Amino acid sequence: MKSKVELNSNGVNYLRKGESPVILDETNLRTKLLTERGDKANIFEVSNELMKLWFSES
């Protein structure tokens, strides 16, 4: 699962294009993701609908 988009929030780069986050929790509606870059860890949630748009299976 690699990201197709970059995700930014208030200047914090949660996700870079081509990055593969770790899935922490997956429910019927939302998925909680973790990205780690050096000593920085970001946890964020996206809807499963956006997961299909933002991520590829490869």
PDB file of N, CA and C in Angstrom:
ATOM      1  N   MET A   1       0.839  -1.177   0.000  1.00  0.00           N
ATOM      2  CA  MET A   1       0.000   0.000   0.000  1.00  0.00           C
ATOM      3  C   MET A   1       0.887   1.244   0.000  1.00  0.00           C
ATOM      4  N   LYS A   2       0.916   1.924  -1.118  1.00  0.00           N
ATOM      5  CA  LYS A   2       1.702   3.151  -1.217  1.00  0.00           C
ATOM      6  C   LYS A   2       0.769   4.327  -1.476  1.00  0.00           C
ATOM      7  N   SER A   3       1.101   5.470  -0.890  1.00  0.00           N
ATOM      8  CA  SER A   3       0.241   6.634  -1.051  1.00  0.00           C
ATOM      9  C   SER A   3       0.384   7.236  -2.441  1.00  0.00           C
ATOM     10  N   LYS A   4      -0.741   7.717  -2.971  1.00  0.00           N
ATOM     11  CA  LYS A   4      -0.765   8.388  -4.269  1.00  0.00           C
ATOM     12  C   LYS A   4      -0.686   9.906  -4.095  1.00  0.00           C
ATOM     13  N   VAL A   5      -0.886  10.380  -2.881  1.00  0.00           N
ATOM     14  CA  VAL A   5      -0.947  11.821  -2.612  1.00  0.00           C
ATOM     15  C   VAL A   5      -0.073  12.173  -1.414  1.00  0.00           C
ATOM     16  N   GLU A   6       0.182  13.472  -1.256  1.00  0.00           N
ATOM     17  CA  GLU A   6       0.809  13.975  -0.037  1.00  0.00           C
ATOM     18  C   GLU A   6      -0.294  14.521   0.846  1.00  0.00           C
ATOM     19  N   LEU A   7      -0.163  14.321   2.139  1.00  0.00           N
ATOM     20  CA  LEU A   7      -1.158  14.809   3.082  1.00  0.00           C
ATOM     21  C   LEU A   7      -0.484  15.751   4.066  1.00  0.00           C
ATOM     22  N   ASN A   8      -0.926  16.993   4.063  1.00  0.00           N
ATOM     23  CA  ASN A   8      -0.364  18.012   4.945  1.00  0.00           C
ATOM     24  C   ASN A   8      -1.455  18.575   5.834  1.00  0.00           C
ATOM     25  N   SER A   9      -1.090  18.965   7.035  1.00  0.00           N
ATOM     26  CA  SER A   9      -2.015  19.630   7.937  1.00  0.00           C
ATOM     27  C   SER A   9      -1.238  20.676   8.724  1.00  0.00           C
ATOM     28  N   ASN A  10      -1.567  21.936   8.524  1.00  0.00           N
ATOM     29  CA  ASN A  10      -0.917  23.042   9.235  1.00  0.00           C
ATOM     30  C   ASN A  10       0.607  22.966   9.150  1.00  0.00           C
ATOM     31  N   GLY A  11       1.109  22.672   7.966  1.00  0.00           N
ATOM     32  CA  GLY A  11       2.552  22.654   7.768  1.00  0.00           C
ATOM     33  C   GLY A  11       3.226  21.362   8.170  1.00  0.00           C
ATOM     34  N   VAL A  12       2.477  20.410   8.759  1.00  0.00           N
ATOM     35  CA  VAL A  12       3.046  19.121   9.137  1.00  0.00           C
ATOM     36  C   VAL A  12       2.800  18.151   7.987  1.00  0.00           C
ATOM     37  N   ASN A  13       3.855  17.560   7.496  1.00  0.00           N
ATOM     38  CA  ASN A  13       3.716  16.602   6.401  1.00  0.00           C
ATOM     39  C   ASN A  13       3.478  15.222   6.997  1.00  0.00           C
ATOM     40  N   TYR A  14       2.206  14.820   7.049  1.00  0.00           N
ATOM     41  CA  TYR A  14       1.853  13.517   7.623  1.00  0.00           C
ATOM     42  C   TYR A  14       2.265  12.386   6.697  1.00  0.00           C
ATOM     43  N   LEU A  15       2.164  12.634   5.398  1.00  0.00           N
ATOM     44  CA  LEU A  15       2.316  11.560   4.443  1.00  0.00           C
ATOM     45  C   LEU A  15       2.944  12.097   3.176  1.00  0.00           C
ATOM     46  N   ARG A  16       3.921  11.401   2.656  1.00  0.00           N
ATOM     47  CA  ARG A  16       4.549  11.774   1.392  1.00  0.00           C
ATOM     48  C   ARG A  16       4.099  10.824   0.302  1.00  0.00           C
ATOM     49  N   LYS A  17       4.073  11.312  -0.912  1.00  0.00           N
ATOM     50  CA  LYS A  17       3.698  10.463  -2.040  1.00  0.00           C
ATOM     51  C   LYS A  17       4.680   9.293  -2.132  1.00  0.00           C
ATOM     52  N   GLY A  18       4.151   8.087  -2.288  1.00  0.00           N
ATOM     53  CA  GLY A  18       4.986   6.901  -2.372  1.00  0.00           C
ATOM     54  C   GLY A  18       5.329   6.276  -1.038  1.00  0.00           C
ATOM     55  N   GLU A  19       4.944   6.940   0.051  1.00  0.00           N
ATOM     56  CA  GLU A  19       5.231   6.422   1.387  1.00  0.00           C
ATOM     57  C   GLU A  19       4.202   5.339   1.752  1.00  0.00           C
ATOM     58  N   SER A  20       4.632   4.373   2.535  1.00  0.00           N
ATOM     59  CA  SER A  20       3.740   3.297   2.982  1.00  0.00           C
ATOM     60  C   SER A  20       3.534   3.401   4.482  1.00  0.00           C
ATOM     61  N   PRO A  21       2.389   3.927   4.926  1.00  0.00           N
ATOM     62  CA  PRO A  21       2.133   4.014   6.364  1.00  0.00           C
ATOM     63  C   PRO A  21       1.743   2.668   6.937  1.00  0.00           C
ATOM     64  N   VAL A  22       1.796   2.563   8.260  1.00  0.00           N
ATOM     65  CA  VAL A  22       1.391   1.362   8.985  1.00  0.00           C
ATOM     66  C   VAL A  22      -0.074   1.530   9.372  1.00  0.00           C
ATOM     67  N   ILE A  23      -0.890   0.515   9.128  1.00  0.00           N
ATOM     68  CA  ILE A  23      -2.290   0.554   9.543  1.00  0.00           C
ATOM     69  C   ILE A  23      -2.363   0.133  11.007  1.00  0.00           C
ATOM     70  N   LEU A  24      -2.831   1.034  11.859  1.00  0.00           N
ATOM     71  CA  LEU A  24      -2.951   0.744  13.287  1.00  0.00           C
ATOM     72  C   LEU A  24      -4.300   0.131  13.627  1.00  0.00           C
ATOM     73  N   ASP A  25      -5.355   0.649  12.984  1.00  0.00           N
ATOM     74  CA  ASP A  25      -6.699   0.184  13.296  1.00  0.00           C
ATOM     75  C   ASP A  25      -7.578   0.414  12.081  1.00  0.00           C
ATOM     76  N   GLU A  26      -8.410  -0.561  11.775  1.00  0.00           N
ATOM     77  CA  GLU A  26      -9.298  -0.438  10.622  1.00  0.00           C
ATOM     78  C   GLU A  26     -10.703  -0.809  11.063  1.00  0.00           C
ATOM     79  N   THR A  27     -11.631   0.148  10.951  1.00  0.00           N
ATOM     80  CA  THR A  27     -13.027  -0.114  11.293  1.00  0.00           C
ATOM     81  C   THR A  27     -13.832  -0.094  10.001  1.00  0.00           C
ATOM     82  N   ASN A  28     -15.148  -0.152  10.137  1.00  0.00           N
ATOM     83  CA  ASN A  28     -16.009  -0.138   8.958  1.00  0.00           C
ATOM     84  C   ASN A  28     -15.933   1.186   8.209  1.00  0.00           C
ATOM     85  N   LEU A  29     -15.681   2.280   8.918  1.00  0.00           N
ATOM     86  CA  LEU A  29     -15.729   3.596   8.292  1.00  0.00           C
ATOM     87  C   LEU A  29     -14.381   4.291   8.189  1.00  0.00           C
ATOM     88  N   ARG A  30     -13.489   4.050   9.148  1.00  0.00           N
ATOM     89  CA  ARG A  30     -12.239   4.809   9.194  1.00  0.00           C
ATOM     90  C   ARG A  30     -11.038   3.892   9.397  1.00  0.00           C
ATOM     91  N   THR A  31      -9.890   4.378   8.941  1.00  0.00           N
ATOM     92  CA  THR A  31      -8.631   3.666   9.128  1.00  0.00           C
ATOM     93  C   THR A  31      -7.649   4.590   9.828  1.00  0.00           C
ATOM     94  N   LYS A  32      -7.013   4.115  10.892  1.00  0.00           N
ATOM     95  CA  LYS A  32      -6.004   4.894  11.612  1.00  0.00           C
ATOM     96  C   LYS A  32      -4.631   4.482  11.088  1.00  0.00           C
ATOM     97  N   LEU A  33      -3.832   5.466  10.678  1.00  0.00           N
ATOM     98  CA  LEU A  33      -2.530   5.219  10.068  1.00  0.00           C
ATOM     99  C   LEU A  33      -1.406   5.838  10.884  1.00  0.00           C
ATOM    100  N   LEU A  34      -0.225   5.263  10.766  1.00  0.00           N
ATOM    101  CA  LEU A  34       0.980   5.768  11.425  1.00  0.00           C
ATOM    102  C   LEU A  34       2.068   5.935  10.379  1.00  0.00           C
ATOM    103  N   THR A  35       2.709   7.112  10.382  1.00  0.00           N
ATOM    104  CA  THR A  35       3.910   7.301   9.575  1.00  0.00           C
ATOM    105  C   THR A  35       5.047   7.668  10.509  1.00  0.00           C
ATOM    106  N   GLU A  36       6.215   7.127  10.249  1.00  0.00           N
ATOM    107  CA  GLU A  36       7.397   7.438  11.046  1.00  0.00           C
ATOM    108  C   GLU A  36       8.498   7.918  10.117  1.00  0.00           C
ATOM    109  N   ARG A  37       9.102   9.038  10.486  1.00  0.00           N
ATOM    110  CA  ARG A  37      10.193   9.614   9.708  1.00  0.00           C
ATOM    111  C   ARG A  37      11.239  10.091  10.702  1.00  0.00           C
ATOM    112  N   GLY A  38      12.308   9.327  10.834  1.00  0.00           N
ATOM    113  CA  GLY A  38      13.310   9.666  11.841  1.00  0.00           C
ATOM    114  C   GLY A  38      12.711   9.514  13.224  1.00  0.00           C
ATOM    115  N   ASP A  39      12.778  10.588  14.032  1.00  0.00           N
ATOM    116  CA  ASP A  39      12.212  10.520  15.381  1.00  0.00           C
ATOM    117  C   ASP A  39      10.800  11.093  15.440  1.00  0.00           C
ATOM    118  N   LYS A  40      10.227  11.421  14.300  1.00  0.00           N
ATOM    119  CA  LYS A  40       8.866  11.977  14.248  1.00  0.00           C
ATOM    120  C   LYS A  40       7.876  10.885  13.877  1.00  0.00           C
ATOM    121  N   ALA A  41       6.815  10.771  14.645  1.00  0.00           N
ATOM    122  CA  ALA A  41       5.742   9.825  14.341  1.00  0.00           C
ATOM    123  C   ALA A  41       4.438  10.596  14.244  1.00  0.00           C
ATOM    124  N   ASN A  42       3.668  10.326  13.210  1.00  0.00           N
ATOM    125  CA  ASN A  42       2.377  10.969  13.018  1.00  0.00           C
ATOM    126  C   ASN A  42       1.298   9.892  12.946  1.00  0.00           C
ATOM    127  N   ILE A  43       0.247  10.097  13.723  1.00  0.00           N
ATOM    128  CA  ILE A  43      -0.906   9.210  13.683  1.00  0.00           C
ATOM    129  C   ILE A  43      -2.088  10.031  13.187  1.00  0.00           C
ATOM    130  N   PHE A  44      -2.788   9.513  12.203  1.00  0.00           N
ATOM    131  CA  PHE A  44      -3.948  10.219  11.680  1.00  0.00           C
ATOM    132  C   PHE A  44      -4.963   9.211  11.182  1.00  0.00           C
ATOM    133  N   GLU A  45      -6.206   9.696  11.017  1.00  0.00           N
ATOM    134  CA  GLU A  45      -7.280   8.826  10.552  1.00  0.00           C
ATOM    135  C   GLU A  45      -7.820   9.356   9.237  1.00  0.00           C
ATOM    136  N   VAL A  46      -8.165   8.443   8.358  1.00  0.00           N
ATOM    137  CA  VAL A  46      -8.833   8.803   7.107  1.00  0.00           C
ATOM    138  C   VAL A  46     -10.021   7.870   6.921  1.00  0.00           C
ATOM    139  N   SER A  47     -11.001   8.340   6.162  1.00  0.00           N
ATOM    140  CA  SER A  47     -12.149   7.478   5.878  1.00  0.00           C
ATOM    141  C   SER A  47     -11.724   6.388   4.905  1.00  0.00           C
ATOM    142  N   ASN A  48     -12.416   5.272   4.946  1.00  0.00           N
ATOM    143  CA  ASN A  48     -12.084   4.173   4.050  1.00  0.00           C
ATOM    144  C   ASN A  48     -12.317   4.554   2.594  1.00  0.00           C
ATOM    145  N   GLU A  49     -13.247   5.472   2.361  1.00  0.00           N
ATOM    146  CA  GLU A  49     -13.489   5.963   1.009  1.00  0.00           C
ATOM    147  C   GLU A  49     -12.252   6.687   0.477  1.00  0.00           C
ATOM    148  N   LEU A  50     -11.628   7.521   1.335  1.00  0.00           N
ATOM    149  CA  LEU A  50     -10.412   8.219   0.927  1.00  0.00           C
ATOM    150  C   LEU A  50      -9.235   7.266   0.800  1.00  0.00           C
ATOM    151  N   MET A  51      -9.212   6.213   1.599  1.00  0.00           N
ATOM    152  CA  MET A  51      -8.141   5.215   1.483  1.00  0.00           C
ATOM    153  C   MET A  51      -8.085   4.667   0.058  1.00  0.00           C
ATOM    154  N   LYS A  52      -9.257   4.387  -0.519  1.00  0.00           N
ATOM    155  CA  LYS A  52      -9.316   3.858  -1.880  1.00  0.00           C
ATOM    156  C   LYS A  52      -8.776   4.868  -2.885  1.00  0.00           C
ATOM    157  N   LEU A  53      -9.054   6.155  -2.644  1.00  0.00           N
ATOM    158  CA  LEU A  53      -8.594   7.197  -3.558  1.00  0.00           C
ATOM    159  C   LEU A  53      -7.115   7.514  -3.380  1.00  0.00           C
ATOM    160  N   TRP A  54      -6.648   7.490  -2.150  1.00  0.00           N
ATOM    161  CA  TRP A  54      -5.288   7.962  -1.835  1.00  0.00           C
ATOM    162  C   TRP A  54      -4.212   6.908  -1.933  1.00  0.00           C
ATOM    163  N   PHE A  55      -4.604   5.619  -1.890  1.00  0.00           N
ATOM    164  CA  PHE A  55      -3.600   4.558  -1.840  1.00  0.00           C
ATOM    165  C   PHE A  55      -3.756   3.560  -2.964  1.00  0.00           C
ATOM    166  N   SER A  56      -2.633   3.030  -3.396  1.00  0.00           N
ATOM    167  CA  SER A  56      -2.647   1.938  -4.369  1.00  0.00           C
ATOM    168  C   SER A  56      -2.266   0.654  -3.632  1.00  0.00           C
ATOM    169  N   GLU A  57      -2.605  -0.470  -4.209  1.00  0.00           N
ATOM    170  CA  GLU A  57      -2.354  -1.755  -3.559  1.00  0.00           C
ATOM    171  C   GLU A  57      -0.901  -2.194  -3.653  1.00  0.00           C
ATOM    172  N   SER A  58      -0.176  -1.663  -4.614  1.00  0.00           N
ATOM    173  CA  SER A  58       1.211  -2.121  -4.829  1.00  0.00           C
ATOM    174  C   SER A  58       2.177  -1.535  -3.831  1.00  0.00           C
TER     175      SER A  58
END
